[in-house]
Amino acid sequence: MQAFFEWLILHDLKHEGKLRHMNGPQFFQTKMGHKFYEHDVPRIADSLACIAKELKNATEHKEQQQQDLNEGETAYLKEKIISITNYVREINESWEMSYKKQGAVPYPDAKSVMSVLTRLLRKP
């Protein structure tokens, strides 16, 4: 791994035109360089892996929450539609029964409003 970092640093310095010959040990040969490559770099890699794992978990958790919310809203809306449909059906039946008992015919506007509501609520 150390050789890779040496190559990477030298490659970047050559590419940027900043490579110059230095007297003395190379960075990786110093105590600070040794600590950096042997201790700091693995800790950085572990920290990045931990961050990636937490980000993945948070994303999955958020997606699950959204899915649960969508399912809950769908169930609630279905329940409301069924409730309204049943209410309209009951009103329509009670109107028809009361008109039959009286021997009268419902006025056209009232009957058509109920028919329209019933048809609208029955459509998927």
PDB file of N, CA and C in Angstrom:
ATOM      1  N   MET A   1       0.824  -1.183   0.000  1.00  0.00           N
ATOM      2  CA  MET A   1       0.000   0.000   0.000  1.00  0.00           C
ATOM      3  C   MET A   1       0.871   1.251   0.000  1.00  0.00           C
ATOM      4  N   GLN A   2       1.962   1.173   0.708  1.00  0.00           N
ATOM      5  CA  GLN A   2       2.873   2.298   0.800  1.00  0.00           C
ATOM      6  C   GLN A   2       3.417   2.672  -0.577  1.00  0.00           C
ATOM      7  N   ALA A   3       3.736   1.670  -1.371  1.00  0.00           N
ATOM      8  CA  ALA A   3       4.277   1.926  -2.705  1.00  0.00           C
ATOM      9  C   ALA A   3       3.232   2.645  -3.576  1.00  0.00           C
ATOM     10  N   PHE A   4       1.995   2.273  -3.404  1.00  0.00           N
ATOM     11  CA  PHE A   4       0.939   2.918  -4.176  1.00  0.00           C
ATOM     12  C   PHE A   4       0.856   4.407  -3.850  1.00  0.00           C
ATOM     13  N   PHE A   5       0.892   4.745  -2.554  1.00  0.00           N
ATOM     14  CA  PHE A   5       0.816   6.145  -2.161  1.00  0.00           C
ATOM     15  C   PHE A   5       2.028   6.933  -2.659  1.00  0.00           C
ATOM     16  N   GLU A   6       3.209   6.304  -2.598  1.00  0.00           N
ATOM     17  CA  GLU A   6       4.399   6.962  -3.136  1.00  0.00           C
ATOM     18  C   GLU A   6       4.212   7.256  -4.611  1.00  0.00           C
ATOM     19  N   TRP A   7       3.740   6.267  -5.346  1.00  0.00           N
ATOM     20  CA  TRP A   7       3.542   6.447  -6.782  1.00  0.00           C
ATOM     21  C   TRP A   7       2.512   7.539  -7.046  1.00  0.00           C
ATOM     22  N   LEU A   8       1.426   7.530  -6.267  1.00  0.00           N
ATOM     23  CA  LEU A   8       0.365   8.523  -6.444  1.00  0.00           C
ATOM     24  C   LEU A   8       0.880   9.932  -6.200  1.00  0.00           C
ATOM     25  N   ILE A   9       1.620  10.118  -5.142  1.00  0.00           N
ATOM     26  CA  ILE A   9       2.163  11.442  -4.822  1.00  0.00           C
ATOM     27  C   ILE A   9       3.131  11.893  -5.906  1.00  0.00           C
ATOM     28  N   LEU A  10       4.039  11.015  -6.300  1.00  0.00           N
ATOM     29  CA  LEU A  10       4.999  11.371  -7.345  1.00  0.00           C
ATOM     30  C   LEU A  10       4.301  11.662  -8.668  1.00  0.00           C
ATOM     31  N   HIS A  11       3.311  10.849  -8.986  1.00  0.00           N
ATOM     32  CA  HIS A  11       2.565  11.057 -10.235  1.00  0.00           C
ATOM     33  C   HIS A  11       1.882  12.424 -10.241  1.00  0.00           C
ATOM     34  N   ASP A  12       1.238  12.776  -9.123  1.00  0.00           N
ATOM     35  CA  ASP A  12       0.560  14.073  -9.031  1.00  0.00           C
ATOM     36  C   ASP A  12       1.561  15.223  -9.121  1.00  0.00           C
ATOM     37  N   LEU A  13       2.673  15.090  -8.449  1.00  0.00           N
ATOM     38  CA  LEU A  13       3.676  16.156  -8.482  1.00  0.00           C
ATOM     39  C   LEU A  13       4.268  16.313  -9.876  1.00  0.00           C
ATOM     40  N   LYS A  14       4.537  15.201 -10.560  1.00  0.00           N
ATOM     41  CA  LYS A  14       5.066  15.276 -11.924  1.00  0.00           C
ATOM     42  C   LYS A  14       4.046  15.911 -12.843  1.00  0.00           C
ATOM     43  N   HIS A  15       2.807  15.525 -12.677  1.00  0.00           N
ATOM     44  CA  HIS A  15       1.733  16.027 -13.537  1.00  0.00           C
ATOM     45  C   HIS A  15       1.555  17.538 -13.371  1.00  0.00           C
ATOM     46  N   GLU A  16       1.694  18.018 -12.156  1.00  0.00           N
ATOM     47  CA  GLU A  16       1.512  19.435 -11.897  1.00  0.00           C
ATOM     48  C   GLU A  16       2.787  20.235 -12.129  1.00  0.00           C
ATOM     49  N   GLY A  17       3.884  19.579 -12.418  1.00  0.00           N
ATOM     50  CA  GLY A  17       5.148  20.278 -12.641  1.00  0.00           C
ATOM     51  C   GLY A  17       5.774  20.794 -11.366  1.00  0.00           C
ATOM     52  N   LYS A  18       5.400  20.229 -10.242  1.00  0.00           N
ATOM     53  CA  LYS A  18       5.914  20.700  -8.958  1.00  0.00           C
ATOM     54  C   LYS A  18       6.986  19.777  -8.381  1.00  0.00           C
ATOM     55  N   LEU A  19       7.346  18.761  -9.111  1.00  0.00           N
ATOM     56  CA  LEU A  19       8.331  17.810  -8.587  1.00  0.00           C
ATOM     57  C   LEU A  19       9.709  18.453  -8.622  1.00  0.00           C
ATOM     58  N   ARG A  20      10.336  18.448  -7.520  1.00  0.00           N
ATOM     59  CA  ARG A  20      11.708  18.940  -7.448  1.00  0.00           C
ATOM     60  C   ARG A  20      12.478  17.999  -6.543  1.00  0.00           C
ATOM     61  N   HIS A  21      13.710  17.943  -6.740  1.00  0.00           N
ATOM     62  CA  HIS A  21      14.526  17.027  -5.958  1.00  0.00           C
ATOM     63  C   HIS A  21      14.748  17.623  -4.569  1.00  0.00           C
ATOM     64  N   MET A  22      14.473  16.790  -3.561  1.00  0.00           N
ATOM     65  CA  MET A  22      14.652  17.249  -2.189  1.00  0.00           C
ATOM     66  C   MET A  22      15.750  16.425  -1.537  1.00  0.00           C
ATOM     67  N   ASN A  23      16.547  17.079  -0.719  1.00  0.00           N
ATOM     68  CA  ASN A  23      17.573  16.371   0.039  1.00  0.00           C
ATOM     69  C   ASN A  23      16.935  15.785   1.280  1.00  0.00           C
ATOM     70  N   GLY A  24      17.422  14.664   1.713  1.00  0.00           N
ATOM     71  CA  GLY A  24      16.912  14.062   2.923  1.00  0.00           C
ATOM     72  C   GLY A  24      15.915  12.965   2.617  1.00  0.00           C
ATOM     73  N   PRO A  25      15.320  12.417   3.675  1.00  0.00           N
ATOM     74  CA  PRO A  25      14.398  11.297   3.484  1.00  0.00           C
ATOM     75  C   PRO A  25      13.094  11.751   2.824  1.00  0.00           C
ATOM     76  N   GLN A  26      12.479  10.821   2.161  1.00  0.00           N
ATOM     77  CA  GLN A  26      11.156  11.060   1.588  1.00  0.00           C
ATOM     78  C   GLN A  26      10.138  11.074   2.730  1.00  0.00           C
ATOM     79  N   PHE A  27       8.966  11.622   2.468  1.00  0.00           N
ATOM     80  CA  PHE A  27       7.935  11.731   3.513  1.00  0.00           C
ATOM     81  C   PHE A  27       7.606  10.372   4.116  1.00  0.00           C
ATOM     82  N   PHE A  28       7.455   9.358   3.272  1.00  0.00           N
ATOM     83  CA  PHE A  28       7.087   8.035   3.786  1.00  0.00           C
ATOM     84  C   PHE A  28       8.184   7.430   4.656  1.00  0.00           C
ATOM     85  N   GLN A  29       9.392   7.976   4.569  1.00  0.00           N
ATOM     86  CA  GLN A  29      10.498   7.456   5.376  1.00  0.00           C
ATOM     87  C   GLN A  29      10.593   8.141   6.731  1.00  0.00           C
ATOM     88  N   THR A  30       9.836   9.186   6.945  1.00  0.00           N
ATOM     89  CA  THR A  30       9.878   9.896   8.226  1.00  0.00           C
ATOM     90  C   THR A  30       8.886   9.261   9.200  1.00  0.00           C
ATOM     91  N   LYS A  31       9.052   9.602  10.500  1.00  0.00           N
ATOM     92  CA  LYS A  31       8.107   9.109  11.507  1.00  0.00           C
ATOM     93  C   LYS A  31       6.700   9.610  11.208  1.00  0.00           C
ATOM     94  N   MET A  32       6.609  10.869  10.828  1.00  0.00           N
ATOM     95  CA  MET A  32       5.296  11.433  10.518  1.00  0.00           C
ATOM     96  C   MET A  32       4.686  10.732   9.300  1.00  0.00           C
ATOM     97  N   GLY A  33       5.484  10.487   8.292  1.00  0.00           N
ATOM     98  CA  GLY A  33       5.000   9.796   7.097  1.00  0.00           C
ATOM     99  C   GLY A  33       4.580   8.370   7.416  1.00  0.00           C
ATOM    100  N   HIS A  34       5.399   7.696   8.226  1.00  0.00           N
ATOM    101  CA  HIS A  34       5.068   6.329   8.629  1.00  0.00           C
ATOM    102  C   HIS A  34       3.740   6.310   9.388  1.00  0.00           C
ATOM    103  N   LYS A  35       3.560   7.253  10.327  1.00  0.00           N
ATOM    104  CA  LYS A  35       2.311   7.332  11.076  1.00  0.00           C
ATOM    105  C   LYS A  35       1.139   7.616  10.130  1.00  0.00           C
ATOM    106  N   PHE A  36       1.356   8.520   9.186  1.00  0.00           N
ATOM    107  CA  PHE A  36       0.293   8.864   8.253  1.00  0.00           C
ATOM    108  C   PHE A  36      -0.165   7.646   7.462  1.00  0.00           C
ATOM    109  N   TYR A  37       0.776   6.941   6.867  1.00  0.00           N
ATOM    110  CA  TYR A  37       0.417   5.788   6.020  1.00  0.00           C
ATOM    111  C   TYR A  37      -0.066   4.582   6.818  1.00  0.00           C
ATOM    112  N   GLU A  38       0.520   4.364   7.981  1.00  0.00           N
ATOM    113  CA  GLU A  38       0.180   3.168   8.755  1.00  0.00           C
ATOM    114  C   GLU A  38      -1.007   3.381   9.693  1.00  0.00           C
ATOM    115  N   HIS A  39      -1.258   4.607  10.088  1.00  0.00           N
ATOM    116  CA  HIS A  39      -2.303   4.842  11.086  1.00  0.00           C
ATOM    117  C   HIS A  39      -3.436   5.724  10.540  1.00  0.00           C
ATOM    118  N   ASP A  40      -3.079   6.883  10.004  1.00  0.00           N
ATOM    119  CA  ASP A  40      -4.102   7.849   9.593  1.00  0.00           C
ATOM    120  C   ASP A  40      -4.891   7.403   8.365  1.00  0.00           C
ATOM    121  N   VAL A  41      -4.206   6.900   7.351  1.00  0.00           N
ATOM    122  CA  VAL A  41      -4.905   6.491   6.121  1.00  0.00           C
ATOM    123  C   VAL A  41      -5.901   5.359   6.389  1.00  0.00           C
ATOM    124  N   PRO A  42      -5.534   4.308   7.122  1.00  0.00           N
ATOM    125  CA  PRO A  42      -6.547   3.273   7.414  1.00  0.00           C
ATOM    126  C   PRO A  42      -7.730   3.816   8.223  1.00  0.00           C
ATOM    127  N   ARG A  43      -7.459   4.735   9.153  1.00  0.00           N
ATOM    128  CA  ARG A  43      -8.570   5.334   9.913  1.00  0.00           C
ATOM    129  C   ARG A  43      -9.482   6.150   9.003  1.00  0.00           C
ATOM    130  N   ILE A  44      -8.898   6.867   8.062  1.00  0.00           N
ATOM    131  CA  ILE A  44      -9.700   7.636   7.112  1.00  0.00           C
ATOM    132  C   ILE A  44     -10.554   6.692   6.271  1.00  0.00           C
ATOM    133  N   ALA A  45      -9.944   5.595   5.804  1.00  0.00           N
ATOM    134  CA  ALA A  45     -10.687   4.621   4.998  1.00  0.00           C
ATOM    135  C   ALA A  45     -11.822   4.001   5.808  1.00  0.00           C
ATOM    136  N   ASP A  46     -11.559   3.655   7.067  1.00  0.00           N
ATOM    137  CA  ASP A  46     -12.611   3.095   7.925  1.00  0.00           C
ATOM    138  C   ASP A  46     -13.736   4.110   8.157  1.00  0.00           C
ATOM    139  N   SER A  47     -13.360   5.359   8.368  1.00  0.00           N
ATOM    140  CA  SER A  47     -14.367   6.408   8.584  1.00  0.00           C
ATOM    141  C   SER A  47     -15.231   6.594   7.341  1.00  0.00           C
ATOM    142  N   LEU A  48     -14.606   6.580   6.175  1.00  0.00           N
ATOM    143  CA  LEU A  48     -15.379   6.707   4.935  1.00  0.00           C
ATOM    144  C   LEU A  48     -16.332   5.530   4.755  1.00  0.00           C
ATOM    145  N   ALA A  49     -15.875   4.333   5.090  1.00  0.00           N
ATOM    146  CA  ALA A  49     -16.748   3.160   4.989  1.00  0.00           C
ATOM    147  C   ALA A  49     -17.924   3.282   5.955  1.00  0.00           C
ATOM    148  N   CYS A  50     -17.660   3.778   7.157  1.00  0.00           N
ATOM    149  CA  CYS A  50     -18.724   3.972   8.150  1.00  0.00           C
ATOM    150  C   CYS A  50     -19.733   5.014   7.667  1.00  0.00           C
ATOM    151  N   ILE A  51     -19.234   6.106   7.102  1.00  0.00           N
ATOM    152  CA  ILE A  51     -20.123   7.145   6.574  1.00  0.00           C
ATOM    153  C   ILE A  51     -20.987   6.573   5.455  1.00  0.00           C
ATOM    154  N   ALA A  52     -20.381   5.801   4.563  1.00  0.00           N
ATOM    155  CA  ALA A  52     -21.135   5.209   3.451  1.00  0.00           C
ATOM    156  C   ALA A  52     -22.215   4.272   3.976  1.00  0.00           C
ATOM    157  N   LYS A  53     -21.881   3.476   5.001  1.00  0.00           N
ATOM    158  CA  LYS A  53     -22.850   2.544   5.575  1.00  0.00           C
ATOM    159  C   LYS A  53     -24.016   3.293   6.213  1.00  0.00           C
ATOM    160  N   GLU A  54     -23.719   4.342   6.976  1.00  0.00           N
ATOM    161  CA  GLU A  54     -24.768   5.124   7.631  1.00  0.00           C
ATOM    162  C   GLU A  54     -25.650   5.840   6.607  1.00  0.00           C
ATOM    163  N   LEU A  55     -25.033   6.338   5.550  1.00  0.00           N
ATOM    164  CA  LEU A  55     -25.804   6.999   4.501  1.00  0.00           C
ATOM    165  C   LEU A  55     -26.741   6.012   3.813  1.00  0.00           C
ATOM    166  N   LYS A  56     -26.245   4.809   3.574  1.00  0.00           N
ATOM    167  CA  LYS A  56     -27.081   3.772   2.959  1.00  0.00           C
ATOM    168  C   LYS A  56     -28.250   3.414   3.882  1.00  0.00           C
ATOM    169  N   ASN A  57     -27.958   3.236   5.167  1.00  0.00           N
ATOM    170  CA  ASN A  57     -29.014   2.910   6.131  1.00  0.00           C
ATOM    171  C   ASN A  57     -30.055   4.029   6.225  1.00  0.00           C
ATOM    172  N   ALA A  58     -29.588   5.279   6.241  1.00  0.00           N
ATOM    173  CA  ALA A  58     -30.515   6.405   6.322  1.00  0.00           C
ATOM    174  C   ALA A  58     -31.401   6.470   5.082  1.00  0.00           C
ATOM    175  N   THR A  59     -30.815   6.222   3.926  1.00  0.00           N
ATOM    176  CA  THR A  59     -31.580   6.246   2.680  1.00  0.00           C
ATOM    177  C   THR A  59     -32.628   5.143   2.676  1.00  0.00           C
ATOM    178  N   GLU A  60     -32.238   3.930   3.084  1.00  0.00           N
ATOM    179  CA  GLU A  60     -33.188   2.816   3.139  1.00  0.00           C
ATOM    180  C   GLU A  60     -34.309   3.110   4.127  1.00  0.00           C
ATOM    181  N   HIS A  61     -33.956   3.689   5.268  1.00  0.00           N
ATOM    182  CA  HIS A  61     -34.954   4.026   6.289  1.00  0.00           C
ATOM    183  C   HIS A  61     -35.938   5.066   5.759  1.00  0.00           C
ATOM    184  N   LYS A  62     -35.417   6.078   5.074  1.00  0.00           N
ATOM    185  CA  LYS A  62     -36.276   7.129   4.515  1.00  0.00           C
ATOM    186  C   LYS A  62     -37.196   6.563   3.438  1.00  0.00           C
ATOM    187  N   GLU A  63     -36.665   5.670   2.585  1.00  0.00           N
ATOM    188  CA  GLU A  63     -37.490   5.047   1.550  1.00  0.00           C
ATOM    189  C   GLU A  63     -38.605   4.202   2.174  1.00  0.00           C
ATOM    190  N   GLN A  64     -38.282   3.477   3.249  1.00  0.00           N
ATOM    191  CA  GLN A  64     -39.279   2.655   3.926  1.00  0.00           C
ATOM    192  C   GLN A  64     -40.357   3.531   4.557  1.00  0.00           C
ATOM    193  N   GLN A  65     -39.946   4.650   5.151  1.00  0.00           N
ATOM    194  CA  GLN A  65     -40.920   5.570   5.735  1.00  0.00           C
ATOM    195  C   GLN A  65     -41.856   6.119   4.668  1.00  0.00           C
ATOM    196  N   GLN A  66     -41.299   6.488   3.522  1.00  0.00           N
ATOM    197  CA  GLN A  66     -42.115   7.024   2.434  1.00  0.00           C
ATOM    198  C   GLN A  66     -43.091   5.975   1.922  1.00  0.00           C
ATOM    199  N   GLN A  67     -42.612   4.736   1.798  1.00  0.00           N
ATOM    200  CA  GLN A  67     -43.474   3.653   1.328  1.00  0.00           C
ATOM    201  C   GLN A  67     -44.609   3.411   2.325  1.00  0.00           C
ATOM    202  N   ASP A  68     -44.291   3.387   3.618  1.00  0.00           N
ATOM    203  CA  ASP A  68     -45.316   3.203   4.648  1.00  0.00           C
ATOM    204  C   ASP A  68     -46.333   4.339   4.619  1.00  0.00           C
ATOM    205  N   LEU A  69     -45.832   5.562   4.424  1.00  0.00           N
ATOM    206  CA  LEU A  69     -46.726   6.716   4.355  1.00  0.00           C
ATOM    207  C   LEU A  69     -47.659   6.604   3.159  1.00  0.00           C
ATOM    208  N   ASN A  70     -47.111   6.233   2.010  1.00  0.00           N
ATOM    209  CA  ASN A  70     -47.932   6.084   0.804  1.00  0.00           C
ATOM    210  C   ASN A  70     -48.994   4.995   0.990  1.00  0.00           C
ATOM    211  N   GLU A  71     -48.591   3.871   1.591  1.00  0.00           N
ATOM    212  CA  GLU A  71     -49.548   2.790   1.827  1.00  0.00           C
ATOM    213  C   GLU A  71     -50.635   3.233   2.798  1.00  0.00           C
ATOM    214  N   GLY A  72     -50.253   3.983   3.824  1.00  0.00           N
ATOM    215  CA  GLY A  72     -51.220   4.480   4.799  1.00  0.00           C
ATOM    216  C   GLY A  72     -52.210   5.448   4.169  1.00  0.00           C
ATOM    217  N   GLU A  73     -51.691   6.353   3.333  1.00  0.00           N
ATOM    218  CA  GLU A  73     -52.575   7.301   2.657  1.00  0.00           C
ATOM    219  C   GLU A  73     -53.520   6.582   1.708  1.00  0.00           C
ATOM    220  N   THR A  74     -53.013   5.594   0.990  1.00  0.00           N
ATOM    221  CA  THR A  74     -53.852   4.839   0.062  1.00  0.00           C
ATOM    222  C   THR A  74     -54.964   4.121   0.810  1.00  0.00           C
ATOM    223  N   ALA A  75     -54.620   3.484   1.914  1.00  0.00           N
ATOM    224  CA  ALA A  75     -55.630   2.775   2.707  1.00  0.00           C
ATOM    225  C   ALA A  75     -56.670   3.756   3.252  1.00  0.00           C
ATOM    226  N   TYR A  76     -56.210   4.904   3.714  1.00  0.00           N
ATOM    227  CA  TYR A  76     -57.132   5.911   4.246  1.00  0.00           C
ATOM    228  C   TYR A  76     -58.091   6.398   3.160  1.00  0.00           C
ATOM    229  N   LEU A  77     -57.548   6.691   1.980  1.00  0.00           N
ATOM    230  CA  LEU A  77     -58.394   7.179   0.885  1.00  0.00           C
ATOM    231  C   LEU A  77     -59.384   6.113   0.422  1.00  0.00           C
ATOM    232  N   LYS A  78     -58.939   4.856   0.360  1.00  0.00           N
ATOM    233  CA  LYS A  78     -59.859   3.779  -0.017  1.00  0.00           C
ATOM    234  C   LYS A  78     -60.996   3.676   0.987  1.00  0.00           C
ATOM    235  N   GLU A  79     -60.638   3.777   2.263  1.00  0.00           N
ATOM    236  CA  GLU A  79     -61.643   3.705   3.320  1.00  0.00           C
ATOM    237  C   GLU A  79     -62.655   4.849   3.188  1.00  0.00           C
ATOM    238  N   LYS A  80     -62.174   6.056   2.912  1.00  0.00           N
ATOM    239  CA  LYS A  80     -63.065   7.201   2.740  1.00  0.00           C
ATOM    240  C   LYS A  80     -63.967   7.024   1.521  1.00  0.00           C
ATOM    241  N   ILE A  81     -63.425   6.539   0.423  1.00  0.00           N
ATOM    242  CA  ILE A  81     -64.225   6.329  -0.789  1.00  0.00           C
ATOM    243  C   ILE A  81     -65.310   5.296  -0.543  1.00  0.00           C
ATOM    244  N   ILE A  82     -64.969   4.218   0.135  1.00  0.00           N
ATOM    245  CA  ILE A  82     -65.963   3.189   0.464  1.00  0.00           C
ATOM    246  C   ILE A  82     -67.053   3.779   1.359  1.00  0.00           C
ATOM    247  N   SER A  83     -66.638   4.572   2.328  1.00  0.00           N
ATOM    248  CA  SER A  83     -67.593   5.196   3.240  1.00  0.00           C
ATOM    249  C   SER A  83     -68.548   6.133   2.488  1.00  0.00           C
ATOM    250  N   ILE A  84     -68.007   6.959   1.611  1.00  0.00           N
ATOM    251  CA  ILE A  84     -68.845   7.883   0.827  1.00  0.00           C
ATOM    252  C   ILE A  84     -69.756   7.107  -0.113  1.00  0.00           C
ATOM    253  N   THR A  85     -69.209   6.074  -0.748  1.00  0.00           N
ATOM    254  CA  THR A  85     -70.012   5.254  -1.656  1.00  0.00           C
ATOM    255  C   THR A  85     -71.183   4.626  -0.916  1.00  0.00           C
ATOM    256  N   ASN A  86     -70.910   4.070   0.247  1.00  0.00           N
ATOM    257  CA  ASN A  86     -71.980   3.467   1.048  1.00  0.00           C
ATOM    258  C   ASN A  86     -73.012   4.508   1.467  1.00  0.00           C
ATOM    259  N   TYR A  87     -72.542   5.687   1.837  1.00  0.00           N
ATOM    260  CA  TYR A  87     -73.460   6.749   2.242  1.00  0.00           C
ATOM    261  C   TYR A  87     -74.363   7.156   1.074  1.00  0.00           C
ATOM    262  N   VAL A  88     -73.765   7.343  -0.093  1.00  0.00           N
ATOM    263  CA  VAL A  88     -74.553   7.732  -1.271  1.00  0.00           C
ATOM    264  C   VAL A  88     -75.548   6.632  -1.617  1.00  0.00           C
ATOM    265  N   ARG A  89     -75.108   5.381  -1.529  1.00  0.00           N
ATOM    266  CA  ARG A  89     -76.002   4.261  -1.832  1.00  0.00           C
ATOM    267  C   ARG A  89     -77.175   4.239  -0.853  1.00  0.00           C
ATOM    268  N   GLU A  90     -76.894   4.444   0.434  1.00  0.00           N
ATOM    269  CA  GLU A  90     -77.959   4.455   1.440  1.00  0.00           C
ATOM    270  C   GLU A  90     -78.941   5.598   1.198  1.00  0.00           C
ATOM    271  N   ILE A  91     -78.419   6.772   0.889  1.00  0.00           N
ATOM    272  CA  ILE A  91     -79.287   7.925   0.611  1.00  0.00           C
ATOM    273  C   ILE A  91     -80.148   7.649  -0.618  1.00  0.00           C
ATOM    274  N   ASN A  92     -79.526   7.114  -1.645  1.00  0.00           N
ATOM    275  CA  ASN A  92     -80.247   6.818  -2.887  1.00  0.00           C
ATOM    276  C   ASN A  92     -81.357   5.796  -2.633  1.00  0.00           C
ATOM    277  N   GLU A  93     -81.041   4.748  -1.868  1.00  0.00           N
ATOM    278  CA  GLU A  93     -82.047   3.720  -1.562  1.00  0.00           C
ATOM    279  C   GLU A  93     -83.169   4.301  -0.703  1.00  0.00           C
ATOM    280  N   SER A  94     -82.815   5.135   0.263  1.00  0.00           N
ATOM    281  CA  SER A  94     -83.856   5.709   1.124  1.00  0.00           C
ATOM    282  C   SER A  94     -84.756   6.666   0.331  1.00  0.00           C
ATOM    283  N   TRP A  95     -84.181   7.404  -0.600  1.00  0.00           N
ATOM    284  CA  TRP A  95     -85.004   8.269  -1.450  1.00  0.00           C
ATOM    285  C   TRP A  95     -85.954   7.434  -2.289  1.00  0.00           C
ATOM    286  N   GLU A  96     -85.392   6.394  -2.890  1.00  0.00           N
ATOM    287  CA  GLU A  96     -86.235   5.546  -3.738  1.00  0.00           C
ATOM    288  C   GLU A  96     -87.356   4.911  -2.921  1.00  0.00           C
ATOM    289  N   MET A  97     -87.035   4.433  -1.697  1.00  0.00           N
ATOM    290  CA  MET A  97     -88.065   3.806  -0.858  1.00  0.00           C
ATOM    291  C   MET A  97     -89.125   4.817  -0.452  1.00  0.00           C
ATOM    292  N   SER A  98     -88.694   6.016  -0.086  1.00  0.00           N
ATOM    293  CA  SER A  98     -89.686   7.023   0.334  1.00  0.00           C
ATOM    294  C   SER A  98     -90.566   7.450  -0.845  1.00  0.00           C
ATOM    295  N   TYR A  99     -89.987   7.541  -2.033  1.00  0.00           N
ATOM    296  CA  TYR A  99     -90.802   7.890  -3.198  1.00  0.00           C
ATOM    297  C   TYR A  99     -91.765   6.762  -3.550  1.00  0.00           C
ATOM    298  N   LYS A 100     -91.333   5.515  -3.387  1.00  0.00           N
ATOM    299  CA  LYS A 100     -92.221   4.375  -3.671  1.00  0.00           C
ATOM    300  C   LYS A 100     -93.378   4.343  -2.676  1.00  0.00           C
ATOM    301  N   LYS A 101     -93.083   4.620  -1.380  1.00  0.00           N
ATOM    302  CA  LYS A 101     -94.130   4.624  -0.355  1.00  0.00           C
ATOM    303  C   LYS A 101     -95.164   5.706  -0.646  1.00  0.00           C
ATOM    304  N   GLN A 102     -94.684   6.852  -1.108  1.00  0.00           N
ATOM    305  CA  GLN A 102     -95.578   7.964  -1.381  1.00  0.00           C
ATOM    306  C   GLN A 102     -96.244   7.832  -2.750  1.00  0.00           C
ATOM    307  N   GLY A 103     -95.711   6.950  -3.568  1.00  0.00           N
ATOM    308  CA  GLY A 103     -96.245   6.788  -4.912  1.00  0.00           C
ATOM    309  C   GLY A 103     -95.870   7.940  -5.822  1.00  0.00           C
ATOM    310  N   ALA A 104     -94.792   8.646  -5.446  1.00  0.00           N
ATOM    311  CA  ALA A 104     -94.363   9.799  -6.244  1.00  0.00           C
ATOM    312  C   ALA A 104     -93.075   9.454  -6.996  1.00  0.00           C
ATOM    313  N   VAL A 105     -92.811  10.280  -7.975  1.00  0.00           N
ATOM    314  CA  VAL A 105     -91.570  10.132  -8.743  1.00  0.00           C
ATOM    315  C   VAL A 105     -90.635  11.261  -8.304  1.00  0.00           C
ATOM    316  N   PRO A 106     -89.369  10.955  -8.024  1.00  0.00           N
ATOM    317  CA  PRO A 106     -88.450  12.026  -7.591  1.00  0.00           C
ATOM    318  C   PRO A 106     -88.266  13.060  -8.689  1.00  0.00           C
ATOM    319  N   TYR A 107     -88.091  14.295  -8.272  1.00  0.00           N
ATOM    320  CA  TYR A 107     -87.885  15.323  -9.284  1.00  0.00           C
ATOM    321  C   TYR A 107     -86.563  15.051  -9.993  1.00  0.00           C
ATOM    322  N   PRO A 108     -86.482  15.340 -11.266  1.00  0.00           N
ATOM    323  CA  PRO A 108     -85.351  14.923 -12.100  1.00  0.00           C
ATOM    324  C   PRO A 108     -83.988  15.410 -11.613  1.00  0.00           C
ATOM    325  N   ASP A 109     -83.917  16.628 -11.099  1.00  0.00           N
ATOM    326  CA  ASP A 109     -82.610  17.149 -10.680  1.00  0.00           C
ATOM    327  C   ASP A 109     -82.029  16.356  -9.514  1.00  0.00           C
ATOM    328  N   ALA A 110     -82.862  16.041  -8.527  1.00  0.00           N
ATOM    329  CA  ALA A 110     -82.377  15.303  -7.364  1.00  0.00           C
ATOM    330  C   ALA A 110     -81.908  13.915  -7.768  1.00  0.00           C
ATOM    331  N   LYS A 111     -82.675  13.243  -8.580  1.00  0.00           N
ATOM    332  CA  LYS A 111     -82.316  11.892  -9.008  1.00  0.00           C
ATOM    333  C   LYS A 111     -81.035  11.921  -9.838  1.00  0.00           C
ATOM    334  N   SER A 112     -80.885  12.921 -10.705  1.00  0.00           N
ATOM    335  CA  SER A 112     -79.696  12.968 -11.559  1.00  0.00           C
ATOM    336  C   SER A 112     -78.439  13.284 -10.747  1.00  0.00           C
ATOM    337  N   VAL A 113     -78.536  14.122  -9.722  1.00  0.00           N
ATOM    338  CA  VAL A 113     -77.373  14.424  -8.874  1.00  0.00           C
ATOM    339  C   VAL A 113     -76.899  13.159  -8.184  1.00  0.00           C
ATOM    340  N   MET A 114     -77.838  12.388  -7.623  1.00  0.00           N
ATOM    341  CA  MET A 114     -77.462  11.150  -6.953  1.00  0.00           C
ATOM    342  C   MET A 114     -76.875  10.146  -7.944  1.00  0.00           C
ATOM    343  N   SER A 115     -77.439  10.089  -9.132  1.00  0.00           N
ATOM    344  CA  SER A 115     -76.925   9.167 -10.142  1.00  0.00           C
ATOM    345  C   SER A 115     -75.513   9.546 -10.549  1.00  0.00           C
ATOM    346  N   VAL A 116     -75.287  10.835 -10.721  1.00  0.00           N
ATOM    347  CA  VAL A 116     -73.944  11.298 -11.100  1.00  0.00           C
ATOM    348  C   VAL A 116     -72.950  10.986  -9.995  1.00  0.00           C
ATOM    349  N   LEU A 117     -73.314  11.285  -8.749  1.00  0.00           N
ATOM    350  CA  LEU A 117     -72.414  10.981  -7.630  1.00  0.00           C
ATOM    351  C   LEU A 117     -72.121   9.489  -7.556  1.00  0.00           C
ATOM    352  N   THR A 118     -73.131   8.680  -7.703  1.00  0.00           N
ATOM    353  CA  THR A 118     -72.953   7.236  -7.645  1.00  0.00           C
ATOM    354  C   THR A 118     -72.032   6.772  -8.764  1.00  0.00           C
ATOM    355  N   ARG A 119     -72.259   7.268  -9.970  1.00  0.00           N
ATOM    356  CA  ARG A 119     -71.405   6.859 -11.100  1.00  0.00           C
ATOM    357  C   ARG A 119     -69.966   7.317 -10.893  1.00  0.00           C
ATOM    358  N   LEU A 120     -69.791   8.536 -10.400  1.00  0.00           N
ATOM    359  CA  LEU A 120     -68.432   9.034 -10.178  1.00  0.00           C
ATOM    360  C   LEU A 120     -67.683   8.206  -9.127  1.00  0.00           C
ATOM    361  N   LEU A 121     -68.373   7.834  -8.077  1.00  0.00           N
ATOM    362  CA  LEU A 121     -67.720   7.101  -7.001  1.00  0.00           C
ATOM    363  C   LEU A 121     -67.449   5.647  -7.385  1.00  0.00           C
ATOM    364  N   ARG A 122     -68.167   5.108  -8.328  1.00  0.00           N
ATOM    365  CA  ARG A 122     -67.969   3.719  -8.726  1.00  0.00           C
ATOM    366  C   ARG A 122     -66.823   3.575  -9.725  1.00  0.00           C
ATOM    367  N   LYS A 123     -66.439   4.674 -10.386  1.00  0.00           N
ATOM    368  CA  LYS A 123     -65.335   4.575 -11.350  1.00  0.00           C
ATOM    369  C   LYS A 123     -64.040   4.330 -10.608  1.00  0.00           C
ATOM    370  N   PRO A 124     -63.158   3.464 -11.157  1.00  0.00           N
ATOM    371  CA  PRO A 124     -61.874   3.180 -10.466  1.00  0.00           C
ATOM    372  C   PRO A 124     -60.919   4.362 -10.509  1.00  0.00           C
TER     373      PRO A 124
END
